[in-house]
Structures are given as structure tokens and as C-alpha cells.
Amino acid sequence: MENFLERFLILKKLPKIMTMIAARKMAVIPKKIMMAAAVINVGTSHAVVSQSVTEELLSLTNLTLKTSL
């Protein structure tokens, strides 16, 4: 019975734990977006640079979404 209660409590806390992990991983993205925005603003004439940054940003977002799921 004790084992069952322990498992139940762990399962009950799991969504909160997963949300916290996802929130920590997502907190990294705004910094990267700000950096990418700065690079794009600085290098507006360099379309290749901004395109590669945008592609990297998209892949980063996809990666984070996959890991948080």
C-alpha cells in the first residue's frame, strides 16, 4: 500500500516537474531570438547571414519543442 501511495504522489507531481523542465529549456530561446534579431538588424544588407540565423533559430525551436514533449 505504501508503495502505491509513493507512486501516486510521484505521478501527481510529474506534470509540474515536466512543466518546470520545459520552462527552463524555453527560457534559453528568448535570449537566442534577441541575439538573432540583433544580428538581423545589424546585417540587413547581408541577407545570407539573416537567413542562416533564422534557419538556426527555427531548428533550435523545433529541437526545444521535441525535447520538452
PDB file of N, CA and C in Angstrom:
ATOM      1  N   MET A   1       0.825  -1.204   0.000  1.00  0.00           N
ATOM      2  CA  MET A   1       0.000   0.000   0.000  1.00  0.00           C
ATOM      3  C   MET A   1       0.864   1.261   0.000  1.00  0.00           C
ATOM      4  N   GLU A   2       1.921   1.237   0.785  1.00  0.00           N
ATOM      5  CA  GLU A   2       2.821   2.382   0.879  1.00  0.00           C
ATOM      6  C   GLU A   2       3.468   2.677  -0.478  1.00  0.00           C
ATOM      7  N   ASN A   3       3.872   1.617  -1.165  1.00  0.00           N
ATOM      8  CA  ASN A   3       4.487   1.737  -2.482  1.00  0.00           C
ATOM      9  C   ASN A   3       3.527   2.392  -3.477  1.00  0.00           C
ATOM     10  N   PHE A   4       2.270   1.989  -3.407  1.00  0.00           N
ATOM     11  CA  PHE A   4       1.247   2.546  -4.293  1.00  0.00           C
ATOM     12  C   PHE A   4       1.092   4.047  -4.055  1.00  0.00           C
ATOM     13  N   LEU A   5       1.051   4.440  -2.777  1.00  0.00           N
ATOM     14  CA  LEU A   5       0.912   5.861  -2.432  1.00  0.00           C
ATOM     15  C   LEU A   5       2.101   6.672  -2.938  1.00  0.00           C
ATOM     16  N   GLU A   6       3.303   6.123  -2.791  1.00  0.00           N
ATOM     17  CA  GLU A   6       4.508   6.803  -3.286  1.00  0.00           C
ATOM     18  C   GLU A   6       4.424   7.018  -4.792  1.00  0.00           C
ATOM     19  N   ARG A   7       4.048   5.977  -5.514  1.00  0.00           N
ATOM     20  CA  ARG A   7       3.921   6.084  -6.971  1.00  0.00           C
ATOM     21  C   ARG A   7       2.864   7.107  -7.353  1.00  0.00           C
ATOM     22  N   PHE A   8       1.735   7.081  -6.637  1.00  0.00           N
ATOM     23  CA  PHE A   8       0.642   8.009  -6.920  1.00  0.00           C
ATOM     24  C   PHE A   8       1.111   9.454  -6.744  1.00  0.00           C
ATOM     25  N   LEU A   9       1.847   9.707  -5.657  1.00  0.00           N
ATOM     26  CA  LEU A   9       2.339  11.062  -5.392  1.00  0.00           C
ATOM     27  C   LEU A   9       3.341  11.507  -6.452  1.00  0.00           C
ATOM     28  N   ILE A  10       4.199  10.591  -6.877  1.00  0.00           N
ATOM     29  CA  ILE A  10       5.180  10.909  -7.920  1.00  0.00           C
ATOM     30  C   ILE A  10       4.462  11.236  -9.229  1.00  0.00           C
ATOM     31  N   LEU A  11       3.472  10.412  -9.588  1.00  0.00           N
ATOM     32  CA  LEU A  11       2.712  10.650 -10.820  1.00  0.00           C
ATOM     33  C   LEU A  11       1.939  11.962 -10.753  1.00  0.00           C
ATOM     34  N   LYS A  12       1.474  12.289  -9.571  1.00  0.00           N
ATOM     35  CA  LYS A  12       0.731  13.536  -9.389  1.00  0.00           C
ATOM     36  C   LYS A  12       1.652  14.745  -9.593  1.00  0.00           C
ATOM     37  N   LYS A  13       2.912  14.621  -9.177  1.00  0.00           N
ATOM     38  CA  LYS A  13       3.877  15.722  -9.292  1.00  0.00           C
ATOM     39  C   LYS A  13       4.507  15.801 -10.680  1.00  0.00           C
ATOM     40  N   LEU A  14       4.433  14.729 -11.440  1.00  0.00           N
ATOM     41  CA  LEU A  14       5.116  14.650 -12.733  1.00  0.00           C
ATOM     42  C   LEU A  14       4.784  15.802 -13.686  1.00  0.00           C
ATOM     43  N   PRO A  15       3.500  16.145 -13.900  1.00  0.00           N
ATOM     44  CA  PRO A  15       3.209  17.262 -14.809  1.00  0.00           C
ATOM     45  C   PRO A  15       3.894  18.563 -14.398  1.00  0.00           C
ATOM     46  N   LYS A  16       3.943  18.832 -13.077  1.00  0.00           N
ATOM     47  CA  LYS A  16       4.615  20.042 -12.593  1.00  0.00           C
ATOM     48  C   LYS A  16       6.104  19.986 -12.912  1.00  0.00           C
ATOM     49  N   ILE A  17       6.695  18.826 -12.669  1.00  0.00           N
ATOM     50  CA  ILE A  17       8.128  18.644 -12.935  1.00  0.00           C
ATOM     51  C   ILE A  17       8.415  18.836 -14.423  1.00  0.00           C
ATOM     52  N   MET A  18       7.592  18.225 -15.285  1.00  0.00           N
ATOM     53  CA  MET A  18       7.771  18.342 -16.735  1.00  0.00           C
ATOM     54  C   MET A  18       7.608  19.793 -17.183  1.00  0.00           C
ATOM     55  N   THR A  19       6.640  20.494 -16.594  1.00  0.00           N
ATOM     56  CA  THR A  19       6.415  21.899 -16.933  1.00  0.00           C
ATOM     57  C   THR A  19       7.628  22.733 -16.551  1.00  0.00           C
ATOM     58  N   MET A  20       8.201  22.451 -15.378  1.00  0.00           N
ATOM     59  CA  MET A  20       9.384  23.191 -14.935  1.00  0.00           C
ATOM     60  C   MET A  20      10.563  22.951 -15.867  1.00  0.00           C
ATOM     61  N   ILE A  21      10.755  21.699 -16.273  1.00  0.00           N
ATOM     62  CA  ILE A  21      11.853  21.363 -17.189  1.00  0.00           C
ATOM     63  C   ILE A  21      11.653  22.081 -18.521  1.00  0.00           C
ATOM     64  N   ALA A  22      10.432  22.026 -19.046  1.00  0.00           N
ATOM     65  CA  ALA A  22      10.126  22.680 -20.321  1.00  0.00           C
ATOM     66  C   ALA A  22      10.329  24.187 -20.208  1.00  0.00           C
ATOM     67  N   ALA A  23       9.909  24.776 -19.091  1.00  0.00           N
ATOM     68  CA  ALA A  23      10.050  26.221 -18.889  1.00  0.00           C
ATOM     69  C   ALA A  23      11.522  26.623 -18.863  1.00  0.00           C
ATOM     70  N   ARG A  24      12.346  25.804 -18.230  1.00  0.00           N
ATOM     71  CA  ARG A  24      13.786  26.104 -18.190  1.00  0.00           C
ATOM     72  C   ARG A  24      14.400  26.039 -19.581  1.00  0.00           C
ATOM     73  N   LYS A  25      13.990  25.038 -20.361  1.00  0.00           N
ATOM     74  CA  LYS A  25      14.527  24.905 -21.714  1.00  0.00           C
ATOM     75  C   LYS A  25      14.036  26.041 -22.603  1.00  0.00           C
ATOM     76  N   MET A  26      12.772  26.438 -22.421  1.00  0.00           N
ATOM     77  CA  MET A  26      12.202  27.507 -23.233  1.00  0.00           C
ATOM     78  C   MET A  26      12.818  28.863 -22.880  1.00  0.00           C
ATOM     79  N   ALA A  27      13.316  29.013 -21.663  1.00  0.00           N
ATOM     80  CA  ALA A  27      13.912  30.277 -21.231  1.00  0.00           C
ATOM     81  C   ALA A  27      15.172  30.603 -22.026  1.00  0.00           C
ATOM     82  N   VAL A  28      15.797  29.587 -22.597  1.00  0.00           N
ATOM     83  CA  VAL A  28      17.011  29.785 -23.398  1.00  0.00           C
ATOM     84  C   VAL A  28      16.657  30.444 -24.733  1.00  0.00           C
ATOM     85  N   ILE A  29      15.489  30.139 -25.272  1.00  0.00           N
ATOM     86  CA  ILE A  29      15.107  30.607 -26.603  1.00  0.00           C
ATOM     87  C   ILE A  29      14.993  32.130 -26.713  1.00  0.00           C
ATOM     88  N   PRO A  30      14.315  32.825 -25.780  1.00  0.00           N
ATOM     89  CA  PRO A  30      14.232  34.287 -25.931  1.00  0.00           C
ATOM     90  C   PRO A  30      15.590  34.961 -26.086  1.00  0.00           C
ATOM     91  N   LYS A  31      16.607  34.491 -25.352  1.00  0.00           N
ATOM     92  CA  LYS A  31      17.958  35.047 -25.486  1.00  0.00           C
ATOM     93  C   LYS A  31      18.464  34.855 -26.911  1.00  0.00           C
ATOM     94  N   LYS A  32      18.268  33.652 -27.449  1.00  0.00           N
ATOM     95  CA  LYS A  32      18.731  33.352 -28.807  1.00  0.00           C
ATOM     96  C   LYS A  32      17.970  34.204 -29.823  1.00  0.00           C
ATOM     97  N   ILE A  33      16.658  34.395 -29.592  1.00  0.00           N
ATOM     98  CA  ILE A  33      15.857  35.213 -30.503  1.00  0.00           C
ATOM     99  C   ILE A  33      16.365  36.655 -30.482  1.00  0.00           C
ATOM    100  N   MET A  34      16.664  37.166 -29.292  1.00  0.00           N
ATOM    101  CA  MET A  34      17.181  38.533 -29.168  1.00  0.00           C
ATOM    102  C   MET A  34      18.517  38.670 -29.895  1.00  0.00           C
ATOM    103  N   MET A  35      19.379  37.668 -29.745  1.00  0.00           N
ATOM    104  CA  MET A  35      20.674  37.688 -30.423  1.00  0.00           C
ATOM    105  C   MET A  35      20.479  37.662 -31.930  1.00  0.00           C
ATOM    106  N   ALA A  36      19.578  36.798 -32.392  1.00  0.00           N
ATOM    107  CA  ALA A  36      19.317  36.681 -33.825  1.00  0.00           C
ATOM    108  C   ALA A  36      18.733  37.974 -34.368  1.00  0.00           C
ATOM    109  N   ALA A  37      17.822  38.592 -33.608  1.00  0.00           N
ATOM    110  CA  ALA A  37      17.216  39.858 -34.027  1.00  0.00           C
ATOM    111  C   ALA A  37      18.289  40.933 -34.154  1.00  0.00           C
ATOM    112  N   ALA A  38      19.236  40.954 -33.222  1.00  0.00           N
ATOM    113  CA  ALA A  38      20.330  41.927 -33.268  1.00  0.00           C
ATOM    114  C   ALA A  38      21.186  41.704 -34.508  1.00  0.00           C
ATOM    115  N   VAL A  39      21.490  40.447 -34.800  1.00  0.00           N
ATOM    116  CA  VAL A  39      22.300  40.123 -35.983  1.00  0.00           C
ATOM    117  C   VAL A  39      21.568  40.538 -37.255  1.00  0.00           C
ATOM    118  N   ILE A  40      20.256  40.265 -37.300  1.00  0.00           N
ATOM    119  CA  ILE A  40      19.464  40.621 -38.483  1.00  0.00           C
ATOM    120  C   ILE A  40      19.414  42.141 -38.640  1.00  0.00           C
ATOM    121  N   ASN A  41      19.254  42.871 -37.528  1.00  0.00           N
ATOM    122  CA  ASN A  41      19.223  44.338 -37.587  1.00  0.00           C
ATOM    123  C   ASN A  41      20.553  44.904 -38.070  1.00  0.00           C
ATOM    124  N   VAL A  42      21.641  44.354 -37.561  1.00  0.00           N
ATOM    125  CA  VAL A  42      22.977  44.824 -37.941  1.00  0.00           C
ATOM    126  C   VAL A  42      23.261  44.491 -39.402  1.00  0.00           C
ATOM    127  N   GLY A  43      22.889  43.274 -39.810  1.00  0.00           N
ATOM    128  CA  GLY A  43      23.243  42.822 -41.154  1.00  0.00           C
ATOM    129  C   GLY A  43      22.079  42.754 -42.115  1.00  0.00           C
ATOM    130  N   THR A  44      21.268  43.813 -42.184  1.00  0.00           N
ATOM    131  CA  THR A  44      20.111  43.781 -43.086  1.00  0.00           C
ATOM    132  C   THR A  44      20.542  43.675 -44.543  1.00  0.00           C
ATOM    133  N   SER A  45      21.710  44.226 -44.853  1.00  0.00           N
ATOM    134  CA  SER A  45      22.194  44.130 -46.231  1.00  0.00           C
ATOM    135  C   SER A  45      22.721  42.727 -46.535  1.00  0.00           C
ATOM    136  N   HIS A  46      23.064  41.994 -45.484  1.00  0.00           N
ATOM    137  CA  HIS A  46      23.580  40.636 -45.659  1.00  0.00           C
ATOM    138  C   HIS A  46      22.447  39.632 -45.480  1.00  0.00           C
ATOM    139  N   ALA A  47      21.680  39.425 -46.520  1.00  0.00           N
ATOM    140  CA  ALA A  47      20.507  38.538 -46.462  1.00  0.00           C
ATOM    141  C   ALA A  47      20.901  37.106 -46.108  1.00  0.00           C
ATOM    142  N   VAL A  48      22.072  36.694 -46.559  1.00  0.00           N
ATOM    143  CA  VAL A  48      22.537  35.327 -46.307  1.00  0.00           C
ATOM    144  C   VAL A  48      22.730  35.100 -44.806  1.00  0.00           C
ATOM    145  N   VAL A  49      23.305  36.084 -44.138  1.00  0.00           N
ATOM    146  CA  VAL A  49      23.548  35.982 -42.692  1.00  0.00           C
ATOM    147  C   VAL A  49      22.224  35.856 -41.951  1.00  0.00           C
ATOM    148  N   SER A  50      21.282  36.757 -42.255  1.00  0.00           N
ATOM    149  CA  SER A  50      19.999  36.733 -41.543  1.00  0.00           C
ATOM    150  C   SER A  50      19.225  35.451 -41.842  1.00  0.00           C
ATOM    151  N   GLN A  51      19.350  34.951 -43.077  1.00  0.00           N
ATOM    152  CA  GLN A  51      18.656  33.704 -43.432  1.00  0.00           C
ATOM    153  C   GLN A  51      19.221  32.532 -42.627  1.00  0.00           C
ATOM    154  N   SER A  52      20.539  32.452 -42.535  1.00  0.00           N
ATOM    155  CA  SER A  52      21.141  31.342 -41.788  1.00  0.00           C
ATOM    156  C   SER A  52      20.795  31.423 -40.304  1.00  0.00           C
ATOM    157  N   VAL A  53      20.738  32.635 -39.770  1.00  0.00           N
ATOM    158  CA  VAL A  53      20.364  32.813 -38.360  1.00  0.00           C
ATOM    159  C   VAL A  53      18.922  32.387 -38.148  1.00  0.00           C
ATOM    160  N   THR A  54      18.047  32.774 -39.078  1.00  0.00           N
ATOM    161  CA  THR A  54      16.633  32.397 -38.984  1.00  0.00           C
ATOM    162  C   THR A  54      16.481  30.884 -39.047  1.00  0.00           C
ATOM    163  N   GLU A  55      17.216  30.236 -39.948  1.00  0.00           N
ATOM    164  CA  GLU A  55      17.158  28.773 -40.060  1.00  0.00           C
ATOM    165  C   GLU A  55      17.647  28.109 -38.773  1.00  0.00           C
ATOM    166  N   GLU A  56      18.720  28.640 -38.215  1.00  0.00           N
ATOM    167  CA  GLU A  56      19.267  28.087 -36.970  1.00  0.00           C
ATOM    168  C   GLU A  56      18.253  28.257 -35.835  1.00  0.00           C
ATOM    169  N   LEU A  57      17.604  29.408 -35.818  1.00  0.00           N
ATOM    170  CA  LEU A  57      16.599  29.706 -34.799  1.00  0.00           C
ATOM    171  C   LEU A  57      15.423  28.745 -34.892  1.00  0.00           C
ATOM    172  N   LEU A  58      14.972  28.483 -36.118  1.00  0.00           N
ATOM    173  CA  LEU A  58      13.863  27.547 -36.326  1.00  0.00           C
ATOM    174  C   LEU A  58      14.240  26.137 -35.882  1.00  0.00           C
ATOM    175  N   SER A  59      15.451  25.709 -36.227  1.00  0.00           N
ATOM    176  CA  SER A  59      15.881  24.368 -35.827  1.00  0.00           C
ATOM    177  C   SER A  59      16.008  24.272 -34.305  1.00  0.00           C
ATOM    178  N   LEU A  60      16.463  25.351 -33.683  1.00  0.00           N
ATOM    179  CA  LEU A  60      16.576  25.400 -32.220  1.00  0.00           C
ATOM    180  C   LEU A  60      15.204  25.285 -31.572  1.00  0.00           C
ATOM    181  N   THR A  61      14.235  26.028 -32.116  1.00  0.00           N
ATOM    182  CA  THR A  61      12.868  25.995 -31.586  1.00  0.00           C
ATOM    183  C   THR A  61      12.289  24.598 -31.725  1.00  0.00           C
ATOM    184  N   ASN A  62      12.468  23.978 -32.891  1.00  0.00           N
ATOM    185  CA  ASN A  62      11.968  22.617 -33.115  1.00  0.00           C
ATOM    186  C   ASN A  62      12.612  21.639 -32.143  1.00  0.00           C
ATOM    187  N   LEU A  63      13.911  21.780 -31.950  1.00  0.00           N
ATOM    188  CA  LEU A  63      14.645  20.903 -31.034  1.00  0.00           C
ATOM    189  C   LEU A  63      14.105  21.035 -29.614  1.00  0.00           C
ATOM    190  N   THR A  64      13.892  22.280 -29.180  1.00  0.00           N
ATOM    191  CA  THR A  64      13.393  22.513 -27.821  1.00  0.00           C
ATOM    192  C   THR A  64      11.997  21.961 -27.654  1.00  0.00           C
ATOM    193  N   LEU A  65      11.157  22.141 -28.670  1.00  0.00           N
ATOM    194  CA  LEU A  65       9.798  21.615 -28.590  1.00  0.00           C
ATOM    195  C   LEU A  65       9.811  20.095 -28.504  1.00  0.00           C
ATOM    196  N   LYS A  66      10.701  19.461 -29.279  1.00  0.00           N
ATOM    197  CA  LYS A  66      10.799  17.995 -29.239  1.00  0.00           C
ATOM    198  C   LYS A  66      11.266  17.512 -27.874  1.00  0.00           C
ATOM    199  N   THR A  67      12.269  18.212 -27.306  1.00  0.00           N
ATOM    200  CA  THR A  67      12.799  17.773 -26.014  1.00  0.00           C
ATOM    201  C   THR A  67      11.812  18.037 -24.889  1.00  0.00           C
ATOM    202  N   SER A  68      11.016  19.100 -25.008  1.00  0.00           N
ATOM    203  CA  SER A  68      10.044  19.381 -23.943  1.00  0.00           C
ATOM    204  C   SER A  68       8.838  18.453 -24.017  1.00  0.00           C
ATOM    205  N   LEU A  69       8.578  17.881 -25.193  1.00  0.00           N
ATOM    206  CA  LEU A  69       7.492  16.904 -25.317  1.00  0.00           C
ATOM    207  C   LEU A  69       8.007  15.553 -24.869  1.00  0.00           C
TER     208      LEU A  69
END
